[in-house]
Amino acid sequence: MSQIKAITDDSFEDDVIHSTKPVLVDFWAEWCGPCKMLAVSIEQIAEEYADRLQVATLNVDENPATPQTYGIDSMPTLMLFSGGHVVGTKIGAITKSGLISFLDGKL
């Protein structure tokens, strides 16, 4: 069972802004090749960090309002939210070790 939560524009506030845990949001699109490559690492991170972090994905084509709010125009974009605020952003494909370094520096 996946630890990743698929979120929408409508659920973003409840699932991310009001979350009691930090949330890593993967903004992705079906047509995005690097997004597909990143998906495996995201899945592994969701399992390995399950006690410290919620991982969520948001399809930007189906949910355009949230990416617009946060000025996202490149895929993939990863944003780490804590306490309702963005505490870190990574744009583009990133290795799993790079993702771990990013998260460990912020959590």
PDB file of N, CA and C in Angstrom:
ATOM      1  N   MET A   1       0.841  -1.198   0.000  1.00  0.00           N
ATOM      2  CA  MET A   1       0.000   0.000   0.000  1.00  0.00           C
ATOM      3  C   MET A   1       0.878   1.251   0.000  1.00  0.00           C
ATOM      4  N   SER A   2       0.589   2.133  -0.873  1.00  0.00           N
ATOM      5  CA  SER A   2       1.393   3.344  -1.008  1.00  0.00           C
ATOM      6  C   SER A   2       1.191   4.291   0.177  1.00  0.00           C
ATOM      7  N   GLN A   3       2.290   4.903   0.586  1.00  0.00           N
ATOM      8  CA  GLN A   3       2.257   5.917   1.642  1.00  0.00           C
ATOM      9  C   GLN A   3       1.946   7.295   1.059  1.00  0.00           C
ATOM     10  N   ILE A   4       1.889   7.364  -0.272  1.00  0.00           N
ATOM     11  CA  ILE A   4       1.714   8.646  -0.942  1.00  0.00           C
ATOM     12  C   ILE A   4       0.239   8.997  -1.056  1.00  0.00           C
ATOM     13  N   LYS A   5      -0.075  10.234  -0.735  1.00  0.00           N
ATOM     14  CA  LYS A   5      -1.457  10.708  -0.791  1.00  0.00           C
ATOM     15  C   LYS A   5      -1.626  11.589  -2.031  1.00  0.00           C
ATOM     16  N   ALA A   6      -2.575  11.232  -2.893  1.00  0.00           N
ATOM     17  CA  ALA A   6      -2.881  12.071  -4.052  1.00  0.00           C
ATOM     18  C   ALA A   6      -3.798  13.198  -3.566  1.00  0.00           C
ATOM     19  N   ILE A   7      -3.378  14.427  -3.814  1.00  0.00           N
ATOM     20  CA  ILE A   7      -4.153  15.580  -3.356  1.00  0.00           C
ATOM     21  C   ILE A   7      -4.629  16.410  -4.542  1.00  0.00           C
ATOM     22  N   THR A   8      -5.559  17.318  -4.267  1.00  0.00           N
ATOM     23  CA  THR A   8      -6.149  18.159  -5.306  1.00  0.00           C
ATOM     24  C   THR A   8      -6.140  19.610  -4.837  1.00  0.00           C
ATOM     25  N   ASP A   9      -6.516  20.502  -5.743  1.00  0.00           N
ATOM     26  CA  ASP A   9      -6.675  21.905  -5.343  1.00  0.00           C
ATOM     27  C   ASP A   9      -7.631  22.015  -4.155  1.00  0.00           C
ATOM     28  N   ASP A  10      -8.718  21.242  -4.206  1.00  0.00           N
ATOM     29  CA  ASP A  10      -9.736  21.313  -3.159  1.00  0.00           C
ATOM     30  C   ASP A  10      -9.250  20.781  -1.816  1.00  0.00           C
ATOM     31  N   SER A  11      -8.382  19.766  -1.828  1.00  0.00           N
ATOM     32  CA  SER A  11      -7.932  19.172  -0.565  1.00  0.00           C
ATOM     33  C   SER A  11      -6.610  19.757  -0.062  1.00  0.00           C
ATOM     34  N   PHE A  12      -5.960  20.606  -0.864  1.00  0.00           N
ATOM     35  CA  PHE A  12      -4.618  21.098  -0.534  1.00  0.00           C
ATOM     36  C   PHE A  12      -4.551  21.744   0.854  1.00  0.00           C
ATOM     37  N   GLU A  13      -5.486  22.608   1.161  1.00  0.00           N
ATOM     38  CA  GLU A  13      -5.431  23.304   2.444  1.00  0.00           C
ATOM     39  C   GLU A  13      -5.501  22.327   3.614  1.00  0.00           C
ATOM     40  N   ASP A  14      -6.438  21.393   3.578  1.00  0.00           N
ATOM     41  CA  ASP A  14      -6.570  20.408   4.663  1.00  0.00           C
ATOM     42  C   ASP A  14      -5.382  19.453   4.707  1.00  0.00           C
ATOM     43  N   ASP A  15      -4.969  18.953   3.531  1.00  0.00           N
ATOM     44  CA  ASP A  15      -3.925  17.927   3.476  1.00  0.00           C
ATOM     45  C   ASP A  15      -2.515  18.464   3.683  1.00  0.00           C
ATOM     46  N   VAL A  16      -2.276  19.711   3.329  1.00  0.00           N
ATOM     47  CA  VAL A  16      -0.914  20.253   3.388  1.00  0.00           C
ATOM     48  C   VAL A  16      -0.794  21.390   4.409  1.00  0.00           C
ATOM     49  N   ILE A  17      -1.554  22.432   4.228  1.00  0.00           N
ATOM     50  CA  ILE A  17      -1.433  23.621   5.086  1.00  0.00           C
ATOM     51  C   ILE A  17      -1.770  23.296   6.542  1.00  0.00           C
ATOM     52  N   HIS A  18      -2.788  22.474   6.770  1.00  0.00           N
ATOM     53  CA  HIS A  18      -3.223  22.163   8.138  1.00  0.00           C
ATOM     54  C   HIS A  18      -2.658  20.848   8.662  1.00  0.00           C
ATOM     55  N   SER A  19      -1.724  20.242   7.938  1.00  0.00           N
ATOM     56  CA  SER A  19      -1.142  18.970   8.364  1.00  0.00           C
ATOM     57  C   SER A  19      -0.328  19.153   9.643  1.00  0.00           C
ATOM     58  N   THR A  20      -0.415  18.168  10.526  1.00  0.00           N
ATOM     59  CA  THR A  20       0.374  18.205  11.759  1.00  0.00           C
ATOM     60  C   THR A  20       1.810  17.753  11.509  1.00  0.00           C
ATOM     61  N   LYS A  21       2.050  17.061  10.389  1.00  0.00           N
ATOM     62  CA  LYS A  21       3.384  16.608   9.992  1.00  0.00           C
ATOM     63  C   LYS A  21       3.874  17.480   8.833  1.00  0.00           C
ATOM     64  N   PRO A  22       5.187  17.588   8.651  1.00  0.00           N
ATOM     65  CA  PRO A  22       5.672  18.200   7.408  1.00  0.00           C
ATOM     66  C   PRO A  22       5.153  17.398   6.206  1.00  0.00           C
ATOM     67  N   VAL A  23       4.944  18.091   5.089  1.00  0.00           N
ATOM     68  CA  VAL A  23       4.425  17.441   3.883  1.00  0.00           C
ATOM     69  C   VAL A  23       5.339  17.771   2.706  1.00  0.00           C
ATOM     70  N   LEU A  24       5.805  16.728   2.026  1.00  0.00           N
ATOM     71  CA  LEU A  24       6.552  16.893   0.785  1.00  0.00           C
ATOM     72  C   LEU A  24       5.552  16.737  -0.351  1.00  0.00           C
ATOM     73  N   VAL A  25       5.365  17.810  -1.127  1.00  0.00           N
ATOM     74  CA  VAL A  25       4.415  17.774  -2.247  1.00  0.00           C
ATOM     75  C   VAL A  25       5.196  17.658  -3.554  1.00  0.00           C
ATOM     76  N   ASP A  26       4.857  16.627  -4.315  1.00  0.00           N
ATOM     77  CA  ASP A  26       5.433  16.395  -5.634  1.00  0.00           C
ATOM     78  C   ASP A  26       4.435  16.924  -6.662  1.00  0.00           C
ATOM     79  N   PHE A  27       4.776  18.064  -7.268  1.00  0.00           N
ATOM     80  CA  PHE A  27       3.952  18.637  -8.344  1.00  0.00           C
ATOM     81  C   PHE A  27       4.425  17.991  -9.641  1.00  0.00           C
ATOM     82  N   TRP A  28       3.527  17.253 -10.307  1.00  0.00           N
ATOM     83  CA  TRP A  28       3.925  16.474 -11.470  1.00  0.00           C
ATOM     84  C   TRP A  28       2.869  16.562 -12.573  1.00  0.00           C
ATOM     85  N   ALA A  29       3.232  16.012 -13.728  1.00  0.00           N
ATOM     86  CA  ALA A  29       2.302  15.952 -14.861  1.00  0.00           C
ATOM     87  C   ALA A  29       2.506  14.626 -15.582  1.00  0.00           C
ATOM     88  N   GLU A  30       1.436  14.121 -16.167  1.00  0.00           N
ATOM     89  CA  GLU A  30       1.466  12.830 -16.872  1.00  0.00           C
ATOM     90  C   GLU A  30       2.486  12.833 -18.009  1.00  0.00           C
ATOM     91  N   TRP A  31       2.644  13.950 -18.703  1.00  0.00           N
ATOM     92  CA  TRP A  31       3.526  14.058 -19.863  1.00  0.00           C
ATOM     93  C   TRP A  31       4.999  14.267 -19.498  1.00  0.00           C
ATOM     94  N   CYS A  32       5.291  14.403 -18.220  1.00  0.00           N
ATOM     95  CA  CYS A  32       6.631  14.771 -17.752  1.00  0.00           C
ATOM     96  C   CYS A  32       7.514  13.540 -17.533  1.00  0.00           C
ATOM     97  N   GLY A  33       8.509  13.355 -18.400  1.00  0.00           N
ATOM     98  CA  GLY A  33       9.440  12.227 -18.277  1.00  0.00           C
ATOM     99  C   GLY A  33      10.210  12.222 -16.964  1.00  0.00           C
ATOM    100  N   PRO A  34      10.858  13.352 -16.588  1.00  0.00           N
ATOM    101  CA  PRO A  34      11.586  13.378 -15.315  1.00  0.00           C
ATOM    102  C   PRO A  34      10.681  13.086 -14.104  1.00  0.00           C
ATOM    103  N   CYS A  35       9.404  13.435 -14.198  1.00  0.00           N
ATOM    104  CA  CYS A  35       8.461  13.144 -13.103  1.00  0.00           C
ATOM    105  C   CYS A  35       8.341  11.640 -12.898  1.00  0.00           C
ATOM    106  N   LYS A  36       8.290  10.897 -14.015  1.00  0.00           N
ATOM    107  CA  LYS A  36       8.171   9.446 -13.936  1.00  0.00           C
ATOM    108  C   LYS A  36       9.430   8.835 -13.331  1.00  0.00           C
ATOM    109  N   MET A  37      10.603   9.384 -13.681  1.00  0.00           N
ATOM    110  CA  MET A  37      11.858   8.886 -13.122  1.00  0.00           C
ATOM    111  C   MET A  37      11.908   9.154 -11.614  1.00  0.00           C
ATOM    112  N   LEU A  38      11.416  10.293 -11.201  1.00  0.00           N
ATOM    113  CA  LEU A  38      11.430  10.682  -9.798  1.00  0.00           C
ATOM    114  C   LEU A  38      10.446   9.867  -8.956  1.00  0.00           C
ATOM    115  N   ALA A  39       9.401   9.339  -9.588  1.00  0.00           N
ATOM    116  CA  ALA A  39       8.334   8.641  -8.868  1.00  0.00           C
ATOM    117  C   ALA A  39       8.841   7.484  -8.010  1.00  0.00           C
ATOM    118  N   VAL A  40       9.839   6.754  -8.494  1.00  0.00           N
ATOM    119  CA  VAL A  40      10.377   5.613  -7.743  1.00  0.00           C
ATOM    120  C   VAL A  40      11.020   6.106  -6.442  1.00  0.00           C
ATOM    121  N   SER A  41      11.823   7.146  -6.534  1.00  0.00           N
ATOM    122  CA  SER A  41      12.470   7.704  -5.332  1.00  0.00           C
ATOM    123  C   SER A  41      11.439   8.266  -4.362  1.00  0.00           C
ATOM    124  N   ILE A  42      10.419   8.920  -4.905  1.00  0.00           N
ATOM    125  CA  ILE A  42       9.358   9.494  -4.068  1.00  0.00           C
ATOM    126  C   ILE A  42       8.656   8.382  -3.284  1.00  0.00           C
ATOM    127  N   GLU A  43       8.379   7.271  -3.954  1.00  0.00           N
ATOM    128  CA  GLU A  43       7.728   6.126  -3.302  1.00  0.00           C
ATOM    129  C   GLU A  43       8.600   5.594  -2.157  1.00  0.00           C
ATOM    130  N   GLN A  44       9.896   5.454  -2.411  1.00  0.00           N
ATOM    131  CA  GLN A  44      10.814   4.946  -1.384  1.00  0.00           C
ATOM    132  C   GLN A  44      10.913   5.907  -0.206  1.00  0.00           C
ATOM    133  N   ILE A  45      10.995   7.200  -0.498  1.00  0.00           N
ATOM    134  CA  ILE A  45      11.067   8.218   0.563  1.00  0.00           C
ATOM    135  C   ILE A  45       9.791   8.188   1.408  1.00  0.00           C
ATOM    136  N   ALA A  46       8.647   8.021   0.757  1.00  0.00           N
ATOM    137  CA  ALA A  46       7.373   7.983   1.476  1.00  0.00           C
ATOM    138  C   ALA A  46       7.368   6.862   2.513  1.00  0.00           C
ATOM    139  N   GLU A  47       7.957   5.720   2.153  1.00  0.00           N
ATOM    140  CA  GLU A  47       8.011   4.596   3.087  1.00  0.00           C
ATOM    141  C   GLU A  47       9.068   4.827   4.162  1.00  0.00           C
ATOM    142  N   GLU A  48      10.259   5.249   3.757  1.00  0.00           N
ATOM    143  CA  GLU A  48      11.365   5.399   4.699  1.00  0.00           C
ATOM    144  C   GLU A  48      11.151   6.547   5.694  1.00  0.00           C
ATOM    145  N   TYR A  49      10.410   7.577   5.290  1.00  0.00           N
ATOM    146  CA  TYR A  49      10.199   8.749   6.137  1.00  0.00           C
ATOM    147  C   TYR A  49       8.771   8.806   6.705  1.00  0.00           C
ATOM    148  N   ALA A  50       8.047   7.695   6.642  1.00  0.00           N
ATOM    149  CA  ALA A  50       6.627   7.684   7.009  1.00  0.00           C
ATOM    150  C   ALA A  50       6.365   8.219   8.417  1.00  0.00           C
ATOM    151  N   ASP A  51       7.301   8.009   9.325  1.00  0.00           N
ATOM    152  CA  ASP A  51       7.093   8.468  10.704  1.00  0.00           C
ATOM    153  C   ASP A  51       7.363   9.967  10.873  1.00  0.00           C
ATOM    154  N   ARG A  52       8.044  10.586   9.920  1.00  0.00           N
ATOM    155  CA  ARG A  52       8.446  11.994  10.046  1.00  0.00           C
ATOM    156  C   ARG A  52       7.793  12.927   9.041  1.00  0.00           C
ATOM    157  N   LEU A  53       7.161  12.345   8.012  1.00  0.00           N
ATOM    158  CA  LEU A  53       6.798  13.142   6.846  1.00  0.00           C
ATOM    159  C   LEU A  53       5.609  12.519   6.118  1.00  0.00           C
ATOM    160  N   GLN A  54       4.721  13.369   5.622  1.00  0.00           N
ATOM    161  CA  GLN A  54       3.666  12.916   4.708  1.00  0.00           C
ATOM    162  C   GLN A  54       4.125  13.279   3.295  1.00  0.00           C
ATOM    163  N   VAL A  55       4.010  12.346   2.370  1.00  0.00           N
ATOM    164  CA  VAL A  55       4.343  12.621   0.978  1.00  0.00           C
ATOM    165  C   VAL A  55       3.042  12.686   0.191  1.00  0.00           C
ATOM    166  N   ALA A  56       2.901  13.723  -0.621  1.00  0.00           N
ATOM    167  CA  ALA A  56       1.695  13.925  -1.415  1.00  0.00           C
ATOM    168  C   ALA A  56       2.077  14.251  -2.856  1.00  0.00           C
ATOM    169  N   THR A  57       1.193  13.896  -3.785  1.00  0.00           N
ATOM    170  CA  THR A  57       1.398  14.254  -5.185  1.00  0.00           C
ATOM    171  C   THR A  57       0.210  15.075  -5.666  1.00  0.00           C
ATOM    172  N   LEU A  58       0.508  16.036  -6.522  1.00  0.00           N
ATOM    173  CA  LEU A  58      -0.534  16.868  -7.094  1.00  0.00           C
ATOM    174  C   LEU A  58      -0.313  16.953  -8.599  1.00  0.00           C
ATOM    175  N   ASN A  59      -1.288  16.473  -9.365  1.00  0.00           N
ATOM    176  CA  ASN A  59      -1.230  16.525 -10.827  1.00  0.00           C
ATOM    177  C   ASN A  59      -1.556  17.960 -11.258  1.00  0.00           C
ATOM    178  N   VAL A  60      -0.578  18.642 -11.842  1.00  0.00           N
ATOM    179  CA  VAL A  60      -0.742  20.062 -12.170  1.00  0.00           C
ATOM    180  C   VAL A  60      -1.734  20.312 -13.309  1.00  0.00           C
ATOM    181  N   ASP A  61      -1.913  19.320 -14.186  1.00  0.00           N
ATOM    182  CA  ASP A  61      -2.861  19.502 -15.283  1.00  0.00           C
ATOM    183  C   ASP A  61      -4.304  19.425 -14.789  1.00  0.00           C
ATOM    184  N   GLU A  62      -4.535  18.561 -13.805  1.00  0.00           N
ATOM    185  CA  GLU A  62      -5.880  18.398 -13.263  1.00  0.00           C
ATOM    186  C   GLU A  62      -6.188  19.415 -12.152  1.00  0.00           C
ATOM    187  N   ASN A  63      -5.136  20.000 -11.591  1.00  0.00           N
ATOM    188  CA  ASN A  63      -5.279  20.930 -10.458  1.00  0.00           C
ATOM    189  C   ASN A  63      -4.400  22.155 -10.683  1.00  0.00           C
ATOM    190  N   PRO A  64      -4.816  23.077 -11.556  1.00  0.00           N
ATOM    191  CA  PRO A  64      -3.964  24.211 -11.931  1.00  0.00           C
ATOM    192  C   PRO A  64      -3.884  25.343 -10.898  1.00  0.00           C
ATOM    193  N   ALA A  65      -4.823  25.439  -9.994  1.00  0.00           N
ATOM    194  CA  ALA A  65      -4.863  26.592  -9.080  1.00  0.00           C
ATOM    195  C   ALA A  65      -3.693  26.599  -8.093  1.00  0.00           C
ATOM    196  N   THR A  66      -3.408  25.461  -7.479  1.00  0.00           N
ATOM    197  CA  THR A  66      -2.345  25.404  -6.471  1.00  0.00           C
ATOM    198  C   THR A  66      -0.970  25.707  -7.067  1.00  0.00           C
ATOM    199  N   PRO A  67      -0.592  25.079  -8.191  1.00  0.00           N
ATOM    200  CA  PRO A  67       0.699  25.432  -8.788  1.00  0.00           C
ATOM    201  C   PRO A  67       0.800  26.921  -9.131  1.00  0.00           C
ATOM    202  N   GLN A  68      -0.302  27.501  -9.591  1.00  0.00           N
ATOM    203  CA  GLN A  68      -0.303  28.926  -9.918  1.00  0.00           C
ATOM    204  C   GLN A  68      -0.067  29.761  -8.652  1.00  0.00           C
ATOM    205  N   THR A  69      -0.720  29.378  -7.560  1.00  0.00           N
ATOM    206  CA  THR A  69      -0.563  30.080  -6.283  1.00  0.00           C
ATOM    207  C   THR A  69       0.904  30.110  -5.853  1.00  0.00           C
ATOM    208  N   TYR A  70       1.621  29.000  -6.071  1.00  0.00           N
ATOM    209  CA  TYR A  70       3.011  28.889  -5.623  1.00  0.00           C
ATOM    210  C   TYR A  70       4.027  29.176  -6.728  1.00  0.00           C
ATOM    211  N   GLY A  71       3.560  29.657  -7.880  1.00  0.00           N
ATOM    212  CA  GLY A  71       4.465  30.062  -8.957  1.00  0.00           C
ATOM    213  C   GLY A  71       5.222  28.916  -9.595  1.00  0.00           C
ATOM    214  N   ILE A  72       4.602  27.756  -9.648  1.00  0.00           N
ATOM    215  CA  ILE A  72       5.269  26.583 -10.203  1.00  0.00           C
ATOM    216  C   ILE A  72       5.045  26.523 -11.706  1.00  0.00           C
ATOM    217  N   ASP A  73       6.162  26.515 -12.453  1.00  0.00           N
ATOM    218  CA  ASP A  73       6.041  26.428 -13.908  1.00  0.00           C
ATOM    219  C   ASP A  73       7.001  25.403 -14.515  1.00  0.00           C
ATOM    220  N   SER A  74       7.715  24.656 -13.670  1.00  0.00           N
ATOM    221  CA  SER A  74       8.608  23.602 -14.147  1.00  0.00           C
ATOM    222  C   SER A  74       8.255  22.292 -13.452  1.00  0.00           C
ATOM    223  N   MET A  75       8.316  21.201 -14.202  1.00  0.00           N
ATOM    224  CA  MET A  75       8.028  19.888 -13.639  1.00  0.00           C
ATOM    225  C   MET A  75       9.296  19.042 -13.713  1.00  0.00           C
ATOM    226  N   PRO A  76       9.536  18.205 -12.725  1.00  0.00           N
ATOM    227  CA  PRO A  76       8.819  18.158 -11.457  1.00  0.00           C
ATOM    228  C   PRO A  76       9.304  19.259 -10.513  1.00  0.00           C
ATOM    229  N   THR A  77       8.436  19.662  -9.616  1.00  0.00           N
ATOM    230  CA  THR A  77       8.812  20.556  -8.526  1.00  0.00           C
ATOM    231  C   THR A  77       8.408  19.879  -7.226  1.00  0.00           C
ATOM    232  N   LEU A  78       9.342  19.838  -6.294  1.00  0.00           N
ATOM    233  CA  LEU A  78       9.079  19.308  -4.960  1.00  0.00           C
ATOM    234  C   LEU A  78       9.074  20.480  -3.992  1.00  0.00           C
ATOM    235  N   MET A  79       8.047  20.560  -3.172  1.00  0.00           N
ATOM    236  CA  MET A  79       7.985  21.591  -2.138  1.00  0.00           C
ATOM    237  C   MET A  79       7.753  20.929  -0.806  1.00  0.00           C
ATOM    238  N   LEU A  80       8.545  21.332   0.177  1.00  0.00           N
ATOM    239  CA  LEU A  80       8.381  20.821   1.531  1.00  0.00           C
ATOM    240  C   LEU A  80       7.683  21.890   2.354  1.00  0.00           C
ATOM    241  N   PHE A  81       6.548  21.506   2.928  1.00  0.00           N
ATOM    242  CA  PHE A  81       5.755  22.401   3.766  1.00  0.00           C
ATOM    243  C   PHE A  81       5.861  21.955   5.218  1.00  0.00           C
ATOM    244  N   SER A  82       5.976  22.910   6.105  1.00  0.00           N
ATOM    245  CA  SER A  82       5.948  22.617   7.536  1.00  0.00           C
ATOM    246  C   SER A  82       5.219  23.763   8.214  1.00  0.00           C
ATOM    247  N   GLY A  83       4.254  23.432   9.061  1.00  0.00           N
ATOM    248  CA  GLY A  83       3.485  24.468   9.740  1.00  0.00           C
ATOM    249  C   GLY A  83       2.726  25.360   8.775  1.00  0.00           C
ATOM    250  N   GLY A  84       2.377  24.838   7.602  1.00  0.00           N
ATOM    251  CA  GLY A  84       1.616  25.599   6.624  1.00  0.00           C
ATOM    252  C   GLY A  84       2.442  26.488   5.715  1.00  0.00           C
ATOM    253  N   HIS A  85       3.786  26.434   5.864  1.00  0.00           N
ATOM    254  CA  HIS A  85       4.664  27.294   5.068  1.00  0.00           C
ATOM    255  C   HIS A  85       5.651  26.462   4.256  1.00  0.00           C
ATOM    256  N   VAL A  86       6.074  26.994   3.114  1.00  0.00           N
ATOM    257  CA  VAL A  86       7.107  26.344   2.311  1.00  0.00           C
ATOM    258  C   VAL A  86       8.440  26.525   3.026  1.00  0.00           C
ATOM    259  N   VAL A  87       9.110  25.412   3.304  1.00  0.00           N
ATOM    260  CA  VAL A  87      10.421  25.484   3.956  1.00  0.00           C
ATOM    261  C   VAL A  87      11.549  25.035   3.029  1.00  0.00           C
ATOM    262  N   GLY A  88      11.170  24.539   1.842  1.00  0.00           N
ATOM    263  CA  GLY A  88      12.190  24.149   0.874  1.00  0.00           C
ATOM    264  C   GLY A  88      11.566  23.787  -0.457  1.00  0.00           C
ATOM    265  N   THR A  89      12.319  24.024  -1.539  1.00  0.00           N
ATOM    266  CA  THR A  89      11.852  23.727  -2.894  1.00  0.00           C
ATOM    267  C   THR A  89      13.000  23.135  -3.698  1.00  0.00           C
ATOM    268  N   LYS A  90      12.685  22.110  -4.474  1.00  0.00           N
ATOM    269  CA  LYS A  90      13.627  21.533  -5.433  1.00  0.00           C
ATOM    270  C   LYS A  90      12.912  21.456  -6.770  1.00  0.00           C
ATOM    271  N   ILE A  91      13.547  21.984  -7.817  1.00  0.00           N
ATOM    272  CA  ILE A  91      12.961  21.973  -9.153  1.00  0.00           C
ATOM    273  C   ILE A  91      13.788  21.053 -10.042  1.00  0.00           C
ATOM    274  N   GLY A  92      13.092  20.204 -10.793  1.00  0.00           N
ATOM    275  CA  GLY A  92      13.765  19.291 -11.710  1.00  0.00           C
ATOM    276  C   GLY A  92      14.011  17.936 -11.078  1.00  0.00           C
ATOM    277  N   ALA A  93      14.500  17.009 -11.909  1.00  0.00           N
ATOM    278  CA  ALA A  93      14.782  15.659 -11.434  1.00  0.00           C
ATOM    279  C   ALA A  93      15.912  15.721 -10.408  1.00  0.00           C
ATOM    280  N   ILE A  94      15.798  14.886  -9.403  1.00  0.00           N
ATOM    281  CA  ILE A  94      16.787  14.853  -8.329  1.00  0.00           C
ATOM    282  C   ILE A  94      17.013  13.377  -7.982  1.00  0.00           C
ATOM    283  N   THR A  95      18.245  13.036  -7.639  1.00  0.00           N
ATOM    284  CA  THR A  95      18.525  11.654  -7.251  1.00  0.00           C
ATOM    285  C   THR A  95      17.937  11.388  -5.873  1.00  0.00           C
ATOM    286  N   LYS A  96      17.808  10.119  -5.539  1.00  0.00           N
ATOM    287  CA  LYS A  96      17.290   9.774  -4.213  1.00  0.00           C
ATOM    288  C   LYS A  96      18.224  10.321  -3.134  1.00  0.00           C
ATOM    289  N   SER A  97      19.533  10.185  -3.334  1.00  0.00           N
ATOM    290  CA  SER A  97      20.477  10.693  -2.327  1.00  0.00           C
ATOM    291  C   SER A  97      20.378  12.216  -2.208  1.00  0.00           C
ATOM    292  N   GLY A  98      20.148  12.891  -3.324  1.00  0.00           N
ATOM    293  CA  GLY A  98      19.941  14.343  -3.293  1.00  0.00           C
ATOM    294  C   GLY A  98      18.680  14.703  -2.546  1.00  0.00           C
ATOM    295  N   LEU A  99      17.642  13.903  -2.729  1.00  0.00           N
ATOM    296  CA  LEU A  99      16.373  14.120  -2.051  1.00  0.00           C
ATOM    297  C   LEU A  99      16.517  13.913  -0.537  1.00  0.00           C
ATOM    298  N   ILE A 100      17.258  12.876  -0.168  1.00  0.00           N
ATOM    299  CA  ILE A 100      17.521  12.602   1.259  1.00  0.00           C
ATOM    300  C   ILE A 100      18.278  13.772   1.886  1.00  0.00           C
ATOM    301  N   SER A 101      19.296  14.266   1.192  1.00  0.00           N
ATOM    302  CA  SER A 101      20.070  15.410   1.704  1.00  0.00           C
ATOM    303  C   SER A 101      19.183  16.633   1.880  1.00  0.00           C
ATOM    304  N   PHE A 102      18.329  16.885   0.894  1.00  0.00           N
ATOM    305  CA  PHE A 102      17.386  18.003   0.950  1.00  0.00           C
ATOM    306  C   PHE A 102      16.479  17.870   2.167  1.00  0.00           C
ATOM    307  N   LEU A 103      15.877  16.698   2.334  1.00  0.00           N
ATOM    308  CA  LEU A 103      14.943  16.484   3.444  1.00  0.00           C
ATOM    309  C   LEU A 103      15.638  16.528   4.805  1.00  0.00           C
ATOM    310  N   ASP A 104      16.786  15.856   4.903  1.00  0.00           N
ATOM    311  CA  ASP A 104      17.485  15.820   6.191  1.00  0.00           C
ATOM    312  C   ASP A 104      17.952  17.205   6.623  1.00  0.00           C
ATOM    313  N   GLY A 105      18.205  18.061   5.653  1.00  0.00           N
ATOM    314  CA  GLY A 105      18.601  19.430   5.982  1.00  0.00           C
ATOM    315  C   GLY A 105      17.441  20.296   6.434  1.00  0.00           C
ATOM    316  N   LYS A 106      16.211  19.853   6.190  1.00  0.00           N
ATOM    317  CA  LYS A 106      15.028  20.660   6.498  1.00  0.00           C
ATOM    318  C   LYS A 106      14.179  20.104   7.630  1.00  0.00           C
ATOM    319  N   LEU A 107      14.280  18.809   7.902  1.00  0.00           N
ATOM    320  CA  LEU A 107      13.406  18.184   8.902  1.00  0.00           C
ATOM    321  C   LEU A 107      14.030  18.225  10.297  1.00  0.00           C
TER     322      LEU A 107
END
